[in-house]
Amino acid sequence: AITLSKQLADKGAVDGPSLARLMAKEKREYTFAGTFPTSTHTMWLNYWMAASGISPVTDAKVIVVPPPQMVANMRVGNMDGFCVGEPWGQRAIIDKIGVTAITTQDIWKDHPEKVLGTRAEFVKANPNTCRAVMMAVLEASKWIDANLQNKAKMADTVAEKSYINTSADAINQRILGRYENGMGKTWDDPNHMKFFDDGAVNFPYLSDGMWFLTQHKRWGLMKEHPDYLAVAQQINRIDLYKEVAGAMKISVPKDPMRSSKLMDGVVWDGKNPKAYADGFKVKA
């Protein structure tokens, strides 16, 4: 989710359009945070801002802050907003220092997020270990999605001090799709985070990898257009995934590309990445 500070919310900035109006009215340096310059969270933040008429390049400063430090930095006024994975958005609401402006599933329904990644040399040198780790991740993903009790157990486990070090309730609510925005609104989100969904969540779509490359180009993180498809094919090892999924009797999509409509109504299907990357009005 994208979190805005309570100070912004008190001035009426509670979503993209109202934030844009406030920034146009009150001229100052606005600071937002992502987890890394090329991270998924920074790309969600940039996309949302741009779709709201805000340039993350010229209208605001986007900094890098590690996820566990997001809430503390907002508390002391180092930033006006942030985009990060849970539980830090929920933590900001519990601590009454932030509000949820938008969930990332409202930016892109069923968007990709975390990956299991290794160096190519590791896969080549340790093929059996690689397969075993992939199987373990798929088995764990299936277990989490199996029932509410498993989700609660997972939340209790990762909340421990040796992992995330926060309350299980801060994790469990949004895992279950129970949302609050910090301004009195609560809702059950049918598009909440999923971990397996019969393997649909886990498949490394080529189009997903290509999308991030288009955004890296859009925001000036790459000078030239890459060979989008070739890079995605090199990184997203669909051959390995199919082998492991087949052994575990997990369904595999027929097409390595998928079509998605993002919050601004623009459809991404991977067919013309160069034109897609160049077609945005707001860019670096």
C-alpha atoms as a PDB file:
ATOM      1  CA  ALA A   1       0.000   0.000   0.000  1.00  0.00           C
ATOM      2  CA  ILE A   2       0.947   3.658  -0.310  1.00  0.00           C
ATOM      3  CA  THR A   3       0.858   5.515   2.989  1.00  0.00           C
ATOM      4  CA  LEU A   4       0.558   9.281   3.406  1.00  0.00           C
ATOM      5  CA  SER A   5       1.464  11.085   6.607  1.00  0.00           C
ATOM      6  CA  LYS A   6      -1.225  12.146   9.062  1.00  0.00           C
ATOM      7  CA  GLN A   7      -0.089  15.737   8.499  1.00  0.00           C
ATOM      8  CA  LEU A   8      -0.978  15.485   4.793  1.00  0.00           C
ATOM      9  CA  ALA A   9      -4.269  13.769   5.589  1.00  0.00           C
ATOM     10  CA  ASP A  10      -5.179  16.550   8.025  1.00  0.00           C
ATOM     11  CA  LYS A  11      -4.805  18.973   5.101  1.00  0.00           C
ATOM     12  CA  GLY A  12      -7.112  16.877   2.931  1.00  0.00           C
ATOM     13  CA  ALA A  13      -4.501  14.883   0.989  1.00  0.00           C
ATOM     14  CA  VAL A  14      -5.844  11.360   1.319  1.00  0.00           C
ATOM     15  CA  ASP A  15      -5.483  10.000  -2.234  1.00  0.00           C
ATOM     16  CA  GLY A  16      -3.732  10.819  -5.507  1.00  0.00           C
ATOM     17  CA  PRO A  17      -5.967  13.651  -6.781  1.00  0.00           C
ATOM     18  CA  SER A  18      -6.206  15.402  -3.407  1.00  0.00           C
ATOM     19  CA  LEU A  19      -2.442  15.077  -2.924  1.00  0.00           C
ATOM     20  CA  ALA A  20      -1.872  16.668  -6.338  1.00  0.00           C
ATOM     21  CA  ARG A  21      -4.148  19.572  -5.402  1.00  0.00           C
ATOM     22  CA  LEU A  22      -2.354  20.145  -2.107  1.00  0.00           C
ATOM     23  CA  MET A  23       1.083  20.000  -3.735  1.00  0.00           C
ATOM     24  CA  ALA A  24      -0.024  22.551  -6.330  1.00  0.00           C
ATOM     25  CA  LYS A  25      -1.384  24.831  -3.603  1.00  0.00           C
ATOM     26  CA  GLU A  26       1.384  24.489  -1.005  1.00  0.00           C
ATOM     27  CA  LYS A  27       4.711  24.704  -2.772  1.00  0.00           C
ATOM     28  CA  ARG A  28       7.565  23.017  -0.883  1.00  0.00           C
ATOM     29  CA  GLU A  29       9.789  19.975  -1.197  1.00  0.00           C
ATOM     30  CA  TYR A  30       7.722  16.811  -0.806  1.00  0.00           C
ATOM     31  CA  THR A  31       9.594  13.631   0.073  1.00  0.00           C
ATOM     32  CA  PHE A  32       8.395  10.075  -0.499  1.00  0.00           C
ATOM     33  CA  ALA A  33      10.172   6.792   0.061  1.00  0.00           C
ATOM     34  CA  GLY A  34      10.540   3.489  -1.717  1.00  0.00           C
ATOM     35  CA  THR A  35      12.687   0.527  -0.803  1.00  0.00           C
ATOM     36  CA  PHE A  36      15.241   0.750  -3.652  1.00  0.00           C
ATOM     37  CA  PRO A  37      15.509   2.845  -6.841  1.00  0.00           C
ATOM     38  CA  THR A  38      14.471  -0.103  -9.042  1.00  0.00           C
ATOM     39  CA  SER A  39      12.185  -1.831  -6.522  1.00  0.00           C
ATOM     40  CA  THR A  40       8.605  -2.854  -7.097  1.00  0.00           C
ATOM     41  CA  HIS A  41       7.532  -0.443  -4.362  1.00  0.00           C
ATOM     42  CA  THR A  42       9.220   2.527  -6.015  1.00  0.00           C
ATOM     43  CA  MET A  43       7.622   1.574  -9.332  1.00  0.00           C
ATOM     44  CA  TRP A  44       4.144   1.406  -7.703  1.00  0.00           C
ATOM     45  CA  LEU A  45       4.779   4.765  -6.038  1.00  0.00           C
ATOM     46  CA  ASN A  46       5.970   6.390  -9.257  1.00  0.00           C
ATOM     47  CA  TYR A  47       3.104   4.933 -11.303  1.00  0.00           C
ATOM     48  CA  TRP A  48       0.492   6.107  -8.813  1.00  0.00           C
ATOM     49  CA  MET A  49       1.943   9.589  -8.558  1.00  0.00           C
ATOM     50  CA  ALA A  50       2.180   9.944 -12.337  1.00  0.00           C
ATOM     51  CA  ALA A  51      -1.384   8.679 -12.818  1.00  0.00           C
ATOM     52  CA  SER A  52      -2.449  11.356 -10.333  1.00  0.00           C
ATOM     53  CA  GLY A  53      -0.679  14.099 -12.290  1.00  0.00           C
ATOM     54  CA  ILE A  54       2.385  14.264 -10.034  1.00  0.00           C
ATOM     55  CA  SER A  55       5.876  13.796 -11.446  1.00  0.00           C
ATOM     56  CA  PRO A  56       8.080  11.772  -9.074  1.00  0.00           C
ATOM     57  CA  VAL A  57      11.036  13.357 -10.879  1.00  0.00           C
ATOM     58  CA  THR A  58      10.223  17.085 -10.881  1.00  0.00           C
ATOM     59  CA  ASP A  59       7.409  17.513  -8.335  1.00  0.00           C
ATOM     60  CA  ALA A  60       8.741  15.362  -5.497  1.00  0.00           C
ATOM     61  CA  LYS A  61      11.853  13.715  -4.131  1.00  0.00           C
ATOM     62  CA  VAL A  62      11.820   9.926  -3.875  1.00  0.00           C
ATOM     63  CA  ILE A  63      14.352   8.509  -1.429  1.00  0.00           C
ATOM     64  CA  VAL A  64      15.360   4.987  -0.408  1.00  0.00           C
ATOM     65  CA  VAL A  65      14.522   3.748   3.093  1.00  0.00           C
ATOM     66  CA  PRO A  66      14.702   0.114   4.328  1.00  0.00           C
ATOM     67  CA  PRO A  67      11.202  -1.262   5.027  1.00  0.00           C
ATOM     68  CA  PRO A  68      11.558  -1.657   8.829  1.00  0.00           C
ATOM     69  CA  GLN A  69      12.628   2.006   9.078  1.00  0.00           C
ATOM     70  CA  MET A  70       9.699   3.486   7.132  1.00  0.00           C
ATOM     71  CA  VAL A  71       7.379   4.069  10.092  1.00  0.00           C
ATOM     72  CA  ALA A  72      10.108   5.567  12.296  1.00  0.00           C
ATOM     73  CA  ASN A  73      11.161   7.975   9.542  1.00  0.00           C
ATOM     74  CA  MET A  74       7.587   9.095   8.971  1.00  0.00           C
ATOM     75  CA  ARG A  75       7.109   9.559  12.710  1.00  0.00           C
ATOM     76  CA  VAL A  76       9.975  12.080  12.907  1.00  0.00           C
ATOM     77  CA  GLY A  77       8.900  13.901   9.738  1.00  0.00           C
ATOM     78  CA  ASN A  78      11.575  12.719   7.323  1.00  0.00           C
ATOM     79  CA  MET A  79       8.992  11.872   4.649  1.00  0.00           C
ATOM     80  CA  ASP A  80       5.497  12.713   3.504  1.00  0.00           C
ATOM     81  CA  GLY A  81       4.625   9.232   2.292  1.00  0.00           C
ATOM     82  CA  PHE A  82       5.974   5.823   1.411  1.00  0.00           C
ATOM     83  CA  CYS A  83       5.253   2.654  -0.488  1.00  0.00           C
ATOM     84  CA  VAL A  84       6.334  -0.596   1.104  1.00  0.00           C
ATOM     85  CA  GLY A  85       5.123  -4.130   1.691  1.00  0.00           C
ATOM     86  CA  GLU A  86       3.145  -4.994   4.773  1.00  0.00           C
ATOM     87  CA  PRO A  87       3.067  -4.826   7.721  1.00  0.00           C
ATOM     88  CA  TRP A  88       4.499  -1.307   7.664  1.00  0.00           C
ATOM     89  CA  GLY A  89       1.461   0.384   6.116  1.00  0.00           C
ATOM     90  CA  GLN A  90      -0.780  -1.183   8.738  1.00  0.00           C
ATOM     91  CA  ARG A  91       1.781  -0.356  11.431  1.00  0.00           C
ATOM     92  CA  ALA A  92       1.600   3.336  10.487  1.00  0.00           C
ATOM     93  CA  ILE A  93      -2.172   3.222  10.935  1.00  0.00           C
ATOM     94  CA  ILE A  94      -1.949   1.412  14.273  1.00  0.00           C
ATOM     95  CA  ASP A  95       0.551   4.027  15.455  1.00  0.00           C
ATOM     96  CA  LYS A  96      -1.744   6.812  14.129  1.00  0.00           C
ATOM     97  CA  ILE A  97       0.954   8.487  12.045  1.00  0.00           C
ATOM     98  CA  GLY A  98      -0.264   7.631   8.539  1.00  0.00           C
ATOM     99  CA  VAL A  99      -3.227   6.779   6.316  1.00  0.00           C
ATOM    100  CA  THR A 100      -3.585   4.393   3.389  1.00  0.00           C
ATOM    101  CA  ALA A 101      -4.009   6.367   0.161  1.00  0.00           C
ATOM    102  CA  ILE A 102      -4.263   3.325  -2.116  1.00  0.00           C
ATOM    103  CA  THR A 103      -3.462  -0.369  -2.052  1.00  0.00           C
ATOM    104  CA  THR A 104      -1.118  -1.691  -4.698  1.00  0.00           C
ATOM    105  CA  GLN A 105      -3.803  -4.112  -5.883  1.00  0.00           C
ATOM    106  CA  ASP A 106      -5.823  -1.013  -6.792  1.00  0.00           C
ATOM    107  CA  ILE A 107      -2.877   0.142  -8.893  1.00  0.00           C
ATOM    108  CA  TRP A 108      -2.596  -3.250 -10.609  1.00  0.00           C
ATOM    109  CA  LYS A 109      -4.931  -6.105  -9.686  1.00  0.00           C
ATOM    110  CA  ASP A 110      -3.005  -9.357  -9.127  1.00  0.00           C
ATOM    111  CA  HIS A 111       0.315  -7.626  -9.685  1.00  0.00           C
ATOM    112  CA  PRO A 112       3.593  -9.516  -9.251  1.00  0.00           C
ATOM    113  CA  GLU A 113       5.642  -8.891  -6.145  1.00  0.00           C
ATOM    114  CA  LYS A 114       8.365 -10.938  -4.416  1.00  0.00           C
ATOM    115  CA  VAL A 115      10.545 -13.390  -6.338  1.00  0.00           C
ATOM    116  CA  LEU A 116      12.822 -16.294  -5.544  1.00  0.00           C
ATOM    117  CA  GLY A 117      16.019 -15.259  -7.271  1.00  0.00           C
ATOM    118  CA  THR A 118      19.550 -16.606  -7.502  1.00  0.00           C
ATOM    119  CA  ARG A 119      22.588 -15.995  -9.660  1.00  0.00           C
ATOM    120  CA  ALA A 120      22.578 -17.918 -12.941  1.00  0.00           C
ATOM    121  CA  GLU A 121      25.842 -19.601 -11.920  1.00  0.00           C
ATOM    122  CA  PHE A 122      24.196 -20.996  -8.800  1.00  0.00           C
ATOM    123  CA  VAL A 123      21.427 -22.661 -10.803  1.00  0.00           C
ATOM    124  CA  LYS A 124      23.952 -24.167 -13.184  1.00  0.00           C
ATOM    125  CA  ALA A 125      26.219 -25.465 -10.418  1.00  0.00           C
ATOM    126  CA  ASN A 126      23.460 -26.613  -8.042  1.00  0.00           C
ATOM    127  CA  PRO A 127      20.452 -27.724 -10.112  1.00  0.00           C
ATOM    128  CA  ASN A 128      19.066 -30.129  -7.513  1.00  0.00           C
ATOM    129  CA  THR A 129      19.375 -27.603  -4.708  1.00  0.00           C
ATOM    130  CA  CYS A 130      17.636 -25.025  -6.875  1.00  0.00           C
ATOM    131  CA  ARG A 131      14.746 -27.380  -7.594  1.00  0.00           C
ATOM    132  CA  ALA A 132      14.445 -28.280  -3.912  1.00  0.00           C
ATOM    133  CA  VAL A 133      14.284 -24.629  -2.857  1.00  0.00           C
ATOM    134  CA  MET A 134      11.662 -23.908  -5.523  1.00  0.00           C
ATOM    135  CA  MET A 135       9.597 -26.854  -4.323  1.00  0.00           C
ATOM    136  CA  ALA A 136       9.865 -25.640  -0.732  1.00  0.00           C
ATOM    137  CA  VAL A 137       8.648 -22.158  -1.688  1.00  0.00           C
ATOM    138  CA  LEU A 138       5.740 -23.560  -3.699  1.00  0.00           C
ATOM    139  CA  GLU A 139       4.821 -25.948  -0.889  1.00  0.00           C
ATOM    140  CA  ALA A 140       4.900 -23.109   1.649  1.00  0.00           C
ATOM    141  CA  SER A 141       2.836 -20.866  -0.645  1.00  0.00           C
ATOM    142  CA  LYS A 142       0.228 -23.593  -1.044  1.00  0.00           C
ATOM    143  CA  TRP A 143       0.143 -24.168   2.720  1.00  0.00           C
ATOM    144  CA  ILE A 144      -0.396 -20.474   3.515  1.00  0.00           C
ATOM    145  CA  ASP A 145      -3.328 -20.175   1.103  1.00  0.00           C
ATOM    146  CA  ALA A 146      -4.938 -23.432   2.231  1.00  0.00           C
ATOM    147  CA  ASN A 147      -6.957 -21.954   5.121  1.00  0.00           C
ATOM    148  CA  LEU A 148      -7.268 -19.072   7.583  1.00  0.00           C
ATOM    149  CA  GLN A 149      -5.611 -21.040  10.361  1.00  0.00           C
ATOM    150  CA  ASN A 150      -2.452 -21.423   8.312  1.00  0.00           C
ATOM    151  CA  LYS A 151      -2.418 -17.713   7.542  1.00  0.00           C
ATOM    152  CA  ALA A 152      -2.704 -16.935  11.255  1.00  0.00           C
ATOM    153  CA  LYS A 153       0.116 -19.360  12.058  1.00  0.00           C
ATOM    154  CA  MET A 154       2.282 -17.771   9.391  1.00  0.00           C
ATOM    155  CA  ALA A 155       1.587 -14.305  10.820  1.00  0.00           C
ATOM    156  CA  ASP A 156       2.507 -15.465  14.323  1.00  0.00           C
ATOM    157  CA  THR A 157       5.748 -16.976  13.044  1.00  0.00           C
ATOM    158  CA  VAL A 158       7.047 -14.081  10.960  1.00  0.00           C
ATOM    159  CA  ALA A 159       5.999 -11.539  13.623  1.00  0.00           C
ATOM    160  CA  GLU A 160       8.652 -12.938  15.970  1.00  0.00           C
ATOM    161  CA  LYS A 161      11.659 -10.834  16.939  1.00  0.00           C
ATOM    162  CA  SER A 162      14.034 -12.900  14.804  1.00  0.00           C
ATOM    163  CA  TYR A 163      11.991 -12.033  11.681  1.00  0.00           C
ATOM    164  CA  ILE A 164       9.824  -8.900  11.318  1.00  0.00           C
ATOM    165  CA  ASN A 165       9.575  -8.025  15.023  1.00  0.00           C
ATOM    166  CA  THR A 166       6.090  -6.543  15.141  1.00  0.00           C
ATOM    167  CA  SER A 167       2.654  -7.572  16.363  1.00  0.00           C
ATOM    168  CA  ALA A 168       1.001 -10.504  14.603  1.00  0.00           C
ATOM    169  CA  ASP A 169      -2.181  -8.442  14.303  1.00  0.00           C
ATOM    170  CA  ALA A 170      -0.352  -5.858  12.176  1.00  0.00           C
ATOM    171  CA  ILE A 171       0.459  -8.667   9.734  1.00  0.00           C
ATOM    172  CA  ASN A 172      -2.643 -10.815   9.910  1.00  0.00           C
ATOM    173  CA  GLN A 173      -5.323  -8.228   9.138  1.00  0.00           C
ATOM    174  CA  ARG A 174      -4.190  -7.402   5.621  1.00  0.00           C
ATOM    175  CA  ILE A 175      -3.130 -10.983   4.928  1.00  0.00           C
ATOM    176  CA  LEU A 176      -6.802 -11.825   5.496  1.00  0.00           C
ATOM    177  CA  GLY A 177      -7.960  -8.927   3.327  1.00  0.00           C
ATOM    178  CA  ARG A 178      -9.245  -6.850   6.246  1.00  0.00           C
ATOM    179  CA  TYR A 179      -8.308  -3.257   5.552  1.00  0.00           C
ATOM    180  CA  GLU A 180      -8.645   0.071   7.323  1.00  0.00           C
ATOM    181  CA  ASN A 181      -7.390   3.353   5.929  1.00  0.00           C
ATOM    182  CA  GLY A 182      -6.711   5.201   9.178  1.00  0.00           C
ATOM    183  CA  MET A 183      -9.597   7.600   8.556  1.00  0.00           C
ATOM    184  CA  GLY A 184     -12.471   5.455   9.753  1.00  0.00           C
ATOM    185  CA  LYS A 185     -13.054   3.386   6.625  1.00  0.00           C
ATOM    186  CA  THR A 186     -12.814  -0.405   6.848  1.00  0.00           C
ATOM    187  CA  TRP A 187     -13.405  -2.979   4.137  1.00  0.00           C
ATOM    188  CA  ASP A 188     -12.833  -6.573   3.093  1.00  0.00           C
ATOM    189  CA  ASP A 189     -10.745  -6.582  -0.075  1.00  0.00           C
ATOM    190  CA  PRO A 190     -11.399  -9.556  -2.395  1.00  0.00           C
ATOM    191  CA  ASN A 191      -8.156  -8.773  -4.240  1.00  0.00           C
ATOM    192  CA  HIS A 192      -5.919  -9.058  -1.200  1.00  0.00           C
ATOM    193  CA  MET A 193      -2.526 -10.728  -1.207  1.00  0.00           C
ATOM    194  CA  LYS A 194      -2.478 -14.314  -2.430  1.00  0.00           C
ATOM    195  CA  PHE A 195       0.417 -16.733  -2.199  1.00  0.00           C
ATOM    196  CA  PHE A 196      -0.579 -19.676  -4.410  1.00  0.00           C
ATOM    197  CA  ASP A 197      -4.050 -19.794  -6.035  1.00  0.00           C
ATOM    198  CA  ASP A 198      -3.295 -23.159  -7.669  1.00  0.00           C
ATOM    199  CA  GLY A 199       0.040 -21.832  -8.885  1.00  0.00           C
ATOM    200  CA  ALA A 200      -1.373 -18.797 -10.719  1.00  0.00           C
ATOM    201  CA  VAL A 201       0.444 -16.503  -8.284  1.00  0.00           C
ATOM    202  CA  ASN A 202       3.830 -18.156  -8.671  1.00  0.00           C
ATOM    203  CA  PHE A 203       4.272 -18.429 -12.433  1.00  0.00           C
ATOM    204  CA  PRO A 204       7.085 -16.099 -13.651  1.00  0.00           C
ATOM    205  CA  TYR A 205       5.265 -14.411 -16.533  1.00  0.00           C
ATOM    206  CA  LEU A 206       7.619 -12.891 -19.080  1.00  0.00           C
ATOM    207  CA  SER A 207       5.297  -9.912 -19.442  1.00  0.00           C
ATOM    208  CA  ASP A 208       5.597  -9.172 -15.724  1.00  0.00           C
ATOM    209  CA  GLY A 209       9.373  -8.955 -15.910  1.00  0.00           C
ATOM    210  CA  MET A 210       9.152  -6.852 -19.058  1.00  0.00           C
ATOM    211  CA  TRP A 211       6.803  -4.390 -17.369  1.00  0.00           C
ATOM    212  CA  PHE A 212       9.378  -3.497 -14.747  1.00  0.00           C
ATOM    213  CA  LEU A 213      11.943  -2.917 -17.476  1.00  0.00           C
ATOM    214  CA  THR A 214       9.539  -0.505 -19.202  1.00  0.00           C
ATOM    215  CA  GLN A 215       9.188   1.438 -15.973  1.00  0.00           C
ATOM    216  CA  HIS A 216      12.943   1.515 -15.413  1.00  0.00           C
ATOM    217  CA  LYS A 217      13.260   3.016 -18.889  1.00  0.00           C
ATOM    218  CA  ARG A 218      10.365   5.403 -18.240  1.00  0.00           C
ATOM    219  CA  TRP A 219      12.015   6.823 -15.131  1.00  0.00           C
ATOM    220  CA  GLY A 220      15.483   7.167 -16.592  1.00  0.00           C
ATOM    221  CA  LEU A 221      17.047   4.189 -14.857  1.00  0.00           C
ATOM    222  CA  MET A 222      18.134   2.895 -18.280  1.00  0.00           C
ATOM    223  CA  LYS A 223      19.462   5.141 -21.044  1.00  0.00           C
ATOM    224  CA  GLU A 224      18.486   2.884 -23.935  1.00  0.00           C
ATOM    225  CA  HIS A 225      15.686   0.433 -24.594  1.00  0.00           C
ATOM    226  CA  PRO A 226      16.840  -3.121 -23.869  1.00  0.00           C
ATOM    227  CA  ASP A 227      15.701  -6.199 -25.750  1.00  0.00           C
ATOM    228  CA  TYR A 228      12.778  -6.537 -23.364  1.00  0.00           C
ATOM    229  CA  LEU A 229      11.760 -10.066 -24.305  1.00  0.00           C
ATOM    230  CA  ALA A 230      15.308 -11.431 -24.403  1.00  0.00           C
ATOM    231  CA  VAL A 231      16.110 -10.055 -20.951  1.00  0.00           C
ATOM    232  CA  ALA A 232      12.892 -11.468 -19.492  1.00  0.00           C
ATOM    233  CA  GLN A 233      13.560 -14.881 -21.044  1.00  0.00           C
ATOM    234  CA  GLN A 234      17.053 -14.894 -19.589  1.00  0.00           C
ATOM    235  CA  ILE A 235      15.935 -13.976 -16.070  1.00  0.00           C
ATOM    236  CA  ASN A 236      12.509 -15.627 -15.733  1.00  0.00           C
ATOM    237  CA  ARG A 237      13.435 -19.294 -15.950  1.00  0.00           C
ATOM    238  CA  ILE A 238      10.100 -20.655 -17.087  1.00  0.00           C
ATOM    239  CA  ASP A 239      11.783 -23.925 -18.071  1.00  0.00           C
ATOM    240  CA  LEU A 240      12.800 -24.574 -14.467  1.00  0.00           C
ATOM    241  CA  TYR A 241       9.419 -23.502 -13.147  1.00  0.00           C
ATOM    242  CA  LYS A 242       7.561 -25.843 -15.497  1.00  0.00           C
ATOM    243  CA  GLU A 243       9.804 -28.732 -14.492  1.00  0.00           C
ATOM    244  CA  VAL A 244       9.224 -28.186 -10.772  1.00  0.00           C
ATOM    245  CA  ALA A 245       5.516 -27.400 -11.128  1.00  0.00           C
ATOM    246  CA  GLY A 246       5.030 -30.512 -13.231  1.00  0.00           C
ATOM    247  CA  ALA A 247       6.649 -32.677 -10.578  1.00  0.00           C
ATOM    248  CA  MET A 248       4.318 -31.153  -7.982  1.00  0.00           C
ATOM    249  CA  LYS A 249       1.239 -31.392 -10.245  1.00  0.00           C
ATOM    250  CA  ILE A 250       0.726 -27.624 -10.179  1.00  0.00           C
ATOM    251  CA  SER A 251      -1.111 -25.993 -13.078  1.00  0.00           C
ATOM    252  CA  VAL A 252       0.984 -23.935 -15.498  1.00  0.00           C
ATOM    253  CA  PRO A 253      -0.473 -21.200 -17.752  1.00  0.00           C
ATOM    254  CA  LYS A 254      -0.268 -21.893 -21.485  1.00  0.00           C
ATOM    255  CA  ASP A 255       0.916 -18.383 -22.341  1.00  0.00           C
ATOM    256  CA  PRO A 256       3.987 -16.761 -20.710  1.00  0.00           C
ATOM    257  CA  MET A 257       2.386 -13.369 -21.399  1.00  0.00           C
ATOM    258  CA  ARG A 258      -0.696 -11.978 -19.675  1.00  0.00           C
ATOM    259  CA  SER A 259      -2.819  -8.892 -20.167  1.00  0.00           C
ATOM    260  CA  SER A 260      -3.444  -6.450 -17.319  1.00  0.00           C
ATOM    261  CA  LYS A 261      -5.227  -3.109 -17.017  1.00  0.00           C
ATOM    262  CA  LEU A 262      -3.624  -0.731 -14.536  1.00  0.00           C
ATOM    263  CA  MET A 263      -5.260   2.057 -12.535  1.00  0.00           C
ATOM    264  CA  ASP A 264      -5.040   4.623 -15.343  1.00  0.00           C
ATOM    265  CA  GLY A 265      -6.849   2.326 -17.768  1.00  0.00           C
ATOM    266  CA  VAL A 266      -3.720   1.587 -19.804  1.00  0.00           C
ATOM    267  CA  VAL A 267      -3.451  -2.077 -20.811  1.00  0.00           C
ATOM    268  CA  TRP A 268      -0.123  -3.881 -20.610  1.00  0.00           C
ATOM    269  CA  ASP A 269       0.217  -7.149 -22.530  1.00  0.00           C
ATOM    270  CA  GLY A 270       3.923  -7.240 -23.357  1.00  0.00           C
ATOM    271  CA  LYS A 271       3.405  -6.923 -27.117  1.00  0.00           C
ATOM    272  CA  ASN A 272       5.086  -3.567 -27.757  1.00  0.00           C
ATOM    273  CA  PRO A 273       7.221  -2.641 -24.745  1.00  0.00           C
ATOM    274  CA  LYS A 274       9.152   0.160 -26.452  1.00  0.00           C
ATOM    275  CA  ALA A 275       6.000   2.024 -27.475  1.00  0.00           C
ATOM    276  CA  TYR A 276       4.482   1.360 -24.057  1.00  0.00           C
ATOM    277  CA  ALA A 277       7.499   2.785 -22.214  1.00  0.00           C
ATOM    278  CA  ASP A 278       7.654   5.829 -24.483  1.00  0.00           C
ATOM    279  CA  GLY A 279       3.904   6.453 -24.452  1.00  0.00           C
ATOM    280  CA  PHE A 280       3.497   7.866 -20.956  1.00  0.00           C
ATOM    281  CA  LYS A 281       2.983  11.614 -20.653  1.00  0.00           C
ATOM    282  CA  VAL A 282       4.662  11.761 -17.247  1.00  0.00           C
ATOM    283  CA  LYS A 283       8.191  10.343 -17.371  1.00  0.00           C
ATOM    284  CA  ALA A 284      11.803  11.278 -16.718  1.00  0.00           C
END
